[in-house]
Amino acid sequence: MSERDGSRVTQILRDSILKLELRPGIILDEVEVANRLNVSRTPVREAIIQLVADGLVVRQGRKAKVAPLDFDDVPKLYDALLISSRLIHRLAAENRTKRNLKEIAKYMKVFEDSVVSGNGVVRSEANHSFHKAISEASGNKYVSAFYESALVGTIRLSRACFSDTIEYEDGALDRSLHDHLAETVRQHAEIYQALENHDVSAADKLAVDHYLLTKNRVVTILFSQSEALSAITDLSLDSWEPDLAAVP
């Protein structure tokens, strides 16, 4: 096994979990995953160890399964996101480089384009990449680890809430989602401007505003779509088709 094999398997499994192709609670059988990805069991085992450390997979005796989405933990998750997000945005405003700004702007544009195209998966991934680029701009790996852990948890929840089966009706975006995405695009631009200007106070305030925007949307969906969300654990590993082309 090469280091590339292990990294590739980790990335494929991670993306599949975040996209909800691998649903919460599904058991990850090392042999089956290895056969699907045409690798030995060793890189799969190493990938699972890393995903456990990332909080995306949990151990249950000798078995590994995709970490459940525990809705009772949502308040704690969003508390962690608020605290870490404010720290990250303040540090990014202080420490960002021109290269950081270029990365942030790139994913900001991808997100904006995905809103127009209506591609929910691309939109979710672009949003994650946008915020991860801000995290990297902070220049503090310890705060980044805290923030990105909370970010991954909220992204999984958002994918459940904003999945195409929930957000579309008769082929069109729900008006409330349309308004939410428009506001997200506007806030992304304001965050970028604050970072470009090294405006720590504005970055802090915008981090709070952005947190509230996301949290309020998720809370609304949780209350209005509880039955639809409960269905996300009803699929088995048999239905999983890893997107091998997406990972180099």
Protein backbone atom coordinates (compact mmCIF):
# COMPACT_ATOMS: atom_id res chain seq x y z
CA MET A 1 0.00 0.00 0.00
CA SER A 2 1.28 3.46 -0.84
CA GLU A 3 0.57 6.59 1.15
CA ARG A 4 -1.44 7.75 -1.87
CA ASP A 5 -3.73 4.70 -1.56
CA GLY A 6 -4.49 5.49 2.07
CA SER A 7 -5.15 9.17 1.37
CA ARG A 8 -7.32 8.31 -1.63
CA VAL A 9 -9.50 5.89 0.33
CA THR A 10 -9.85 8.36 3.19
CA GLN A 11 -10.92 11.11 0.79
CA ILE A 12 -13.44 8.90 -1.01
CA LEU A 13 -15.04 7.69 2.22
CA ARG A 14 -15.03 11.19 3.72
CA ASP A 15 -16.70 12.71 0.64
CA SER A 16 -19.27 9.90 0.53
CA ILE A 17 -20.17 10.48 4.19
CA LEU A 18 -20.49 14.25 3.75
CA LYS A 19 -22.60 13.79 0.60
CA LEU A 20 -24.80 11.29 2.52
CA GLU A 21 -24.00 8.57 -0.02
CA LEU A 22 -22.88 6.65 3.07
CA ARG A 23 -25.73 7.26 5.47
CA PRO A 24 -25.47 7.74 9.24
CA GLY A 25 -25.37 4.42 11.09
CA ILE A 26 -24.27 2.28 8.14
CA ILE A 27 -21.66 -0.33 9.07
CA LEU A 28 -18.44 -0.07 7.06
CA ASP A 29 -17.32 -3.58 6.20
CA GLU A 30 -13.58 -3.43 5.42
CA VAL A 31 -13.73 -6.28 2.90
CA GLU A 32 -16.70 -4.85 1.04
CA VAL A 33 -15.25 -1.34 0.92
CA ALA A 34 -11.88 -2.70 -0.23
CA ASN A 35 -13.56 -4.65 -3.04
CA ARG A 36 -15.57 -1.63 -4.15
CA LEU A 37 -12.48 0.56 -4.28
CA ASN A 38 -10.19 -2.15 -5.65
CA VAL A 39 -7.62 -1.82 -2.86
CA SER A 40 -6.36 -4.05 -0.08
CA ARG A 41 -7.89 -3.93 3.39
CA THR A 42 -4.90 -2.04 4.81
CA PRO A 43 -5.68 1.41 3.31
CA VAL A 44 -9.35 0.93 4.23
CA ARG A 45 -8.35 0.17 7.82
CA GLU A 46 -6.08 3.24 7.91
CA ALA A 47 -8.85 5.40 6.43
CA ILE A 48 -11.31 4.26 9.07
CA ILE A 49 -8.82 5.10 11.83
CA GLN A 50 -8.50 8.63 10.42
CA LEU A 51 -12.26 9.05 10.01
CA VAL A 52 -12.80 7.95 13.61
CA ALA A 53 -10.35 10.66 14.66
CA ASP A 54 -12.30 13.16 12.51
CA GLY A 55 -15.59 12.18 14.17
CA LEU A 56 -17.17 10.89 10.95
CA VAL A 57 -16.96 7.20 11.91
CA VAL A 58 -17.45 5.51 15.28
CA ARG A 59 -16.37 2.12 16.61
CA GLN A 60 -18.94 -0.35 17.91
CA GLY A 61 -16.93 -3.26 19.24
CA ARG A 62 -14.97 -4.54 16.25
CA LYS A 63 -17.32 -2.89 13.79
CA ALA A 64 -17.03 0.61 12.36
CA LYS A 65 -20.05 2.60 11.29
CA VAL A 66 -20.76 6.04 9.93
CA ALA A 67 -21.32 8.33 12.91
CA PRO A 68 -25.01 8.91 13.59
CA LEU A 69 -26.51 12.36 13.26
CA ASP A 70 -27.56 12.88 16.87
CA PHE A 71 -30.09 15.70 16.80
CA ASP A 72 -29.93 15.96 20.59
CA ASP A 73 -26.35 17.23 20.16
CA VAL A 74 -27.31 19.99 17.72
CA PRO A 75 -27.25 22.80 20.35
CA LYS A 76 -23.76 21.74 21.52
CA LEU A 77 -22.56 21.47 17.93
CA TYR A 78 -23.71 24.98 17.11
CA ASP A 79 -22.23 26.37 20.33
CA ALA A 80 -18.88 24.96 19.21
CA LEU A 81 -19.35 26.38 15.73
CA LEU A 82 -20.09 29.87 17.05
CA ILE A 83 -17.08 30.01 19.35
CA SER A 84 -14.64 28.53 16.83
CA SER A 85 -16.01 30.54 13.91
CA ARG A 86 -15.48 33.85 15.69
CA LEU A 87 -11.91 32.89 16.52
CA ILE A 88 -11.16 31.73 12.98
CA HIS A 89 -12.57 34.85 11.31
CA ARG A 90 -10.72 37.17 13.66
CA LEU A 91 -7.43 35.35 13.09
CA ALA A 92 -8.02 35.18 9.33
CA ALA A 93 -8.58 38.93 9.21
CA GLU A 94 -5.26 39.43 10.97
CA ASN A 95 -3.15 36.81 9.21
CA ARG A 96 -4.55 36.23 5.73
CA THR A 97 -2.20 36.42 2.77
CA LYS A 98 -2.87 37.28 -0.86
CA ARG A 99 -2.72 33.58 -1.62
CA ASN A 100 -5.37 32.92 1.05
CA LEU A 101 -7.61 35.58 -0.45
CA LYS A 102 -7.26 34.02 -3.89
CA GLU A 103 -8.40 30.63 -2.56
CA ILE A 104 -11.30 32.14 -0.63
CA ALA A 105 -12.43 34.12 -3.68
CA LYS A 106 -12.23 31.02 -5.88
CA TYR A 107 -14.61 28.99 -3.75
CA MET A 108 -16.86 31.98 -3.15
CA LYS A 109 -17.37 32.14 -6.94
CA VAL A 110 -17.94 28.38 -7.23
CA PHE A 111 -20.62 28.61 -4.52
CA GLU A 112 -22.31 31.55 -6.25
CA ASP A 113 -22.33 29.71 -9.59
CA SER A 114 -23.78 26.59 -7.95
CA VAL A 115 -26.70 28.62 -6.60
CA VAL A 116 -27.54 29.61 -10.17
CA SER A 117 -27.13 26.07 -11.52
CA GLY A 118 -29.09 24.48 -8.68
CA ASN A 119 -26.50 21.77 -8.03
CA GLY A 120 -26.88 21.02 -4.32
CA VAL A 121 -23.85 18.74 -4.02
CA VAL A 122 -21.50 21.23 -5.70
CA ARG A 123 -22.97 23.99 -3.55
CA SER A 124 -22.36 22.08 -0.32
CA GLU A 125 -18.79 21.20 -1.30
CA ALA A 126 -18.04 24.78 -2.39
CA ASN A 127 -19.40 26.13 0.87
CA HIS A 128 -17.19 23.73 2.82
CA SER A 129 -14.15 24.68 0.74
CA PHE A 130 -14.88 28.40 1.21
CA HIS A 131 -14.95 28.11 4.98
CA LYS A 132 -11.99 25.74 5.08
CA ALA A 133 -9.98 28.29 3.08
CA ILE A 134 -10.83 30.89 5.72
CA SER A 135 -9.74 28.42 8.39
CA GLU A 136 -6.39 27.95 6.67
CA ALA A 137 -6.00 31.74 6.47
CA SER A 138 -6.11 31.94 10.27
CA GLY A 139 -2.59 30.57 10.50
CA ASN A 140 -3.41 28.63 13.69
CA LYS A 141 -3.64 24.86 13.24
CA TYR A 142 -5.06 24.28 16.73
CA VAL A 143 -7.98 26.65 16.33
CA SER A 144 -8.46 25.37 12.77
CA ALA A 145 -8.80 21.79 14.02
CA PHE A 146 -11.47 22.88 16.51
CA TYR A 147 -13.35 24.89 13.88
CA GLU A 148 -13.16 22.31 11.11
CA SER A 149 -14.45 19.58 13.42
CA ALA A 150 -17.54 21.66 14.18
CA LEU A 151 -17.81 22.67 10.53
CA VAL A 152 -17.87 19.05 9.31
CA GLY A 153 -20.61 18.23 11.82
CA THR A 154 -22.79 21.11 10.67
CA ILE A 155 -22.15 20.32 7.00
CA ARG A 156 -23.44 16.77 7.50
CA LEU A 157 -26.52 18.21 9.16
CA SER A 158 -26.96 20.79 6.40
CA ARG A 159 -26.69 18.13 3.70
CA ALA A 160 -29.51 16.26 5.42
CA CYS A 161 -31.59 19.41 5.68
CA PHE A 162 -30.82 20.81 2.21
CA SER A 163 -30.75 17.57 0.22
CA ASP A 164 -32.41 17.76 -3.18
CA THR A 165 -35.34 15.58 -2.04
CA ILE A 166 -36.18 18.21 0.56
CA GLU A 167 -35.23 21.50 -1.02
CA TYR A 168 -36.91 21.07 -4.41
CA GLU A 169 -40.58 21.00 -5.20
CA ASP A 170 -41.82 20.58 -8.81
CA GLY A 171 -38.27 21.16 -10.01
CA ALA A 172 -37.92 24.62 -8.47
CA LEU A 173 -36.17 25.94 -5.42
CA ASP A 174 -38.38 26.62 -2.46
CA ARG A 175 -38.72 30.39 -1.99
CA SER A 176 -37.35 30.32 1.55
CA LEU A 177 -34.29 28.39 0.36
CA HIS A 178 -33.85 30.77 -2.55
CA ASP A 179 -33.81 33.71 -0.12
CA HIS A 180 -31.45 31.85 2.22
CA LEU A 181 -28.95 31.18 -0.55
CA ALA A 182 -29.11 34.76 -1.81
CA GLU A 183 -28.32 35.99 1.70
CA THR A 184 -25.51 33.43 1.99
CA VAL A 185 -23.93 34.76 -1.21
CA ARG A 186 -24.19 38.32 0.12
CA GLN A 187 -22.63 37.40 3.47
CA HIS A 188 -19.80 35.49 1.80
CA ALA A 189 -18.91 38.65 -0.13
CA GLU A 190 -18.97 40.73 3.04
CA ILE A 191 -16.77 38.23 4.86
CA TYR A 192 -14.27 38.31 2.01
CA GLN A 193 -14.21 42.10 2.11
CA ALA A 194 -13.58 42.15 5.86
CA LEU A 195 -10.69 39.72 5.49
CA GLU A 196 -9.23 41.68 2.59
CA ASN A 197 -9.37 44.86 4.70
CA HIS A 198 -7.85 43.19 7.78
CA ASP A 199 -11.00 44.32 9.60
CA VAL A 200 -11.02 42.09 12.69
CA SER A 201 -14.16 43.60 14.26
CA ALA A 202 -16.19 43.29 11.06
CA ALA A 203 -14.99 39.72 10.52
CA ASP A 204 -16.06 38.83 14.06
CA LYS A 205 -19.53 40.35 13.60
CA LEU A 206 -20.00 38.68 10.22
CA ALA A 207 -19.01 35.32 11.70
CA VAL A 208 -21.88 35.68 14.17
CA ASP A 209 -24.32 36.79 11.44
CA HIS A 210 -23.34 33.85 9.25
CA TYR A 211 -23.68 31.42 12.13
CA LEU A 212 -27.19 32.69 12.87
CA LEU A 213 -28.20 32.44 9.21
CA THR A 214 -27.17 28.78 9.01
CA LYS A 215 -28.45 27.83 12.44
CA ASN A 216 -31.88 29.38 11.91
CA ARG A 217 -32.30 27.61 8.57
CA VAL A 218 -31.34 24.23 10.01
CA VAL A 219 -33.64 24.64 13.02
CA THR A 220 -36.54 25.53 10.70
CA ILE A 221 -35.95 22.46 8.54
CA LEU A 222 -35.54 20.18 11.55
CA PHE A 223 -38.96 21.13 12.85
CA SER A 224 -40.71 21.04 9.47
CA GLN A 225 -39.01 17.99 7.92
CA SER A 226 -38.53 15.59 10.83
CA GLU A 227 -40.07 12.62 8.99
CA ALA A 228 -38.01 13.22 5.86
CA LEU A 229 -34.83 13.54 7.87
CA SER A 230 -35.50 10.32 9.76
CA ALA A 231 -35.42 8.47 6.43
CA ILE A 232 -31.71 9.18 5.91
CA THR A 233 -30.74 6.15 8.00
CA ASP A 234 -32.89 3.73 6.01
CA LEU A 235 -30.40 2.92 3.24
CA SER A 236 -27.85 0.11 3.30
CA LEU A 237 -24.28 -0.05 2.04
CA ASP A 238 -25.59 -1.97 -0.99
CA SER A 239 -26.85 1.31 -2.45
CA TRP A 240 -23.52 3.11 -2.11
CA GLU A 241 -21.69 3.94 -5.32
CA PRO A 242 -18.43 5.80 -4.54
CA ASP A 243 -17.58 8.68 -6.85
CA LEU A 244 -14.13 7.45 -7.87
CA ALA A 245 -13.72 10.09 -10.58
CA ALA A 246 -13.97 12.90 -8.04
CA VAL A 247 -10.73 11.96 -6.28
CA PRO A 248 -7.41 12.07 -8.17
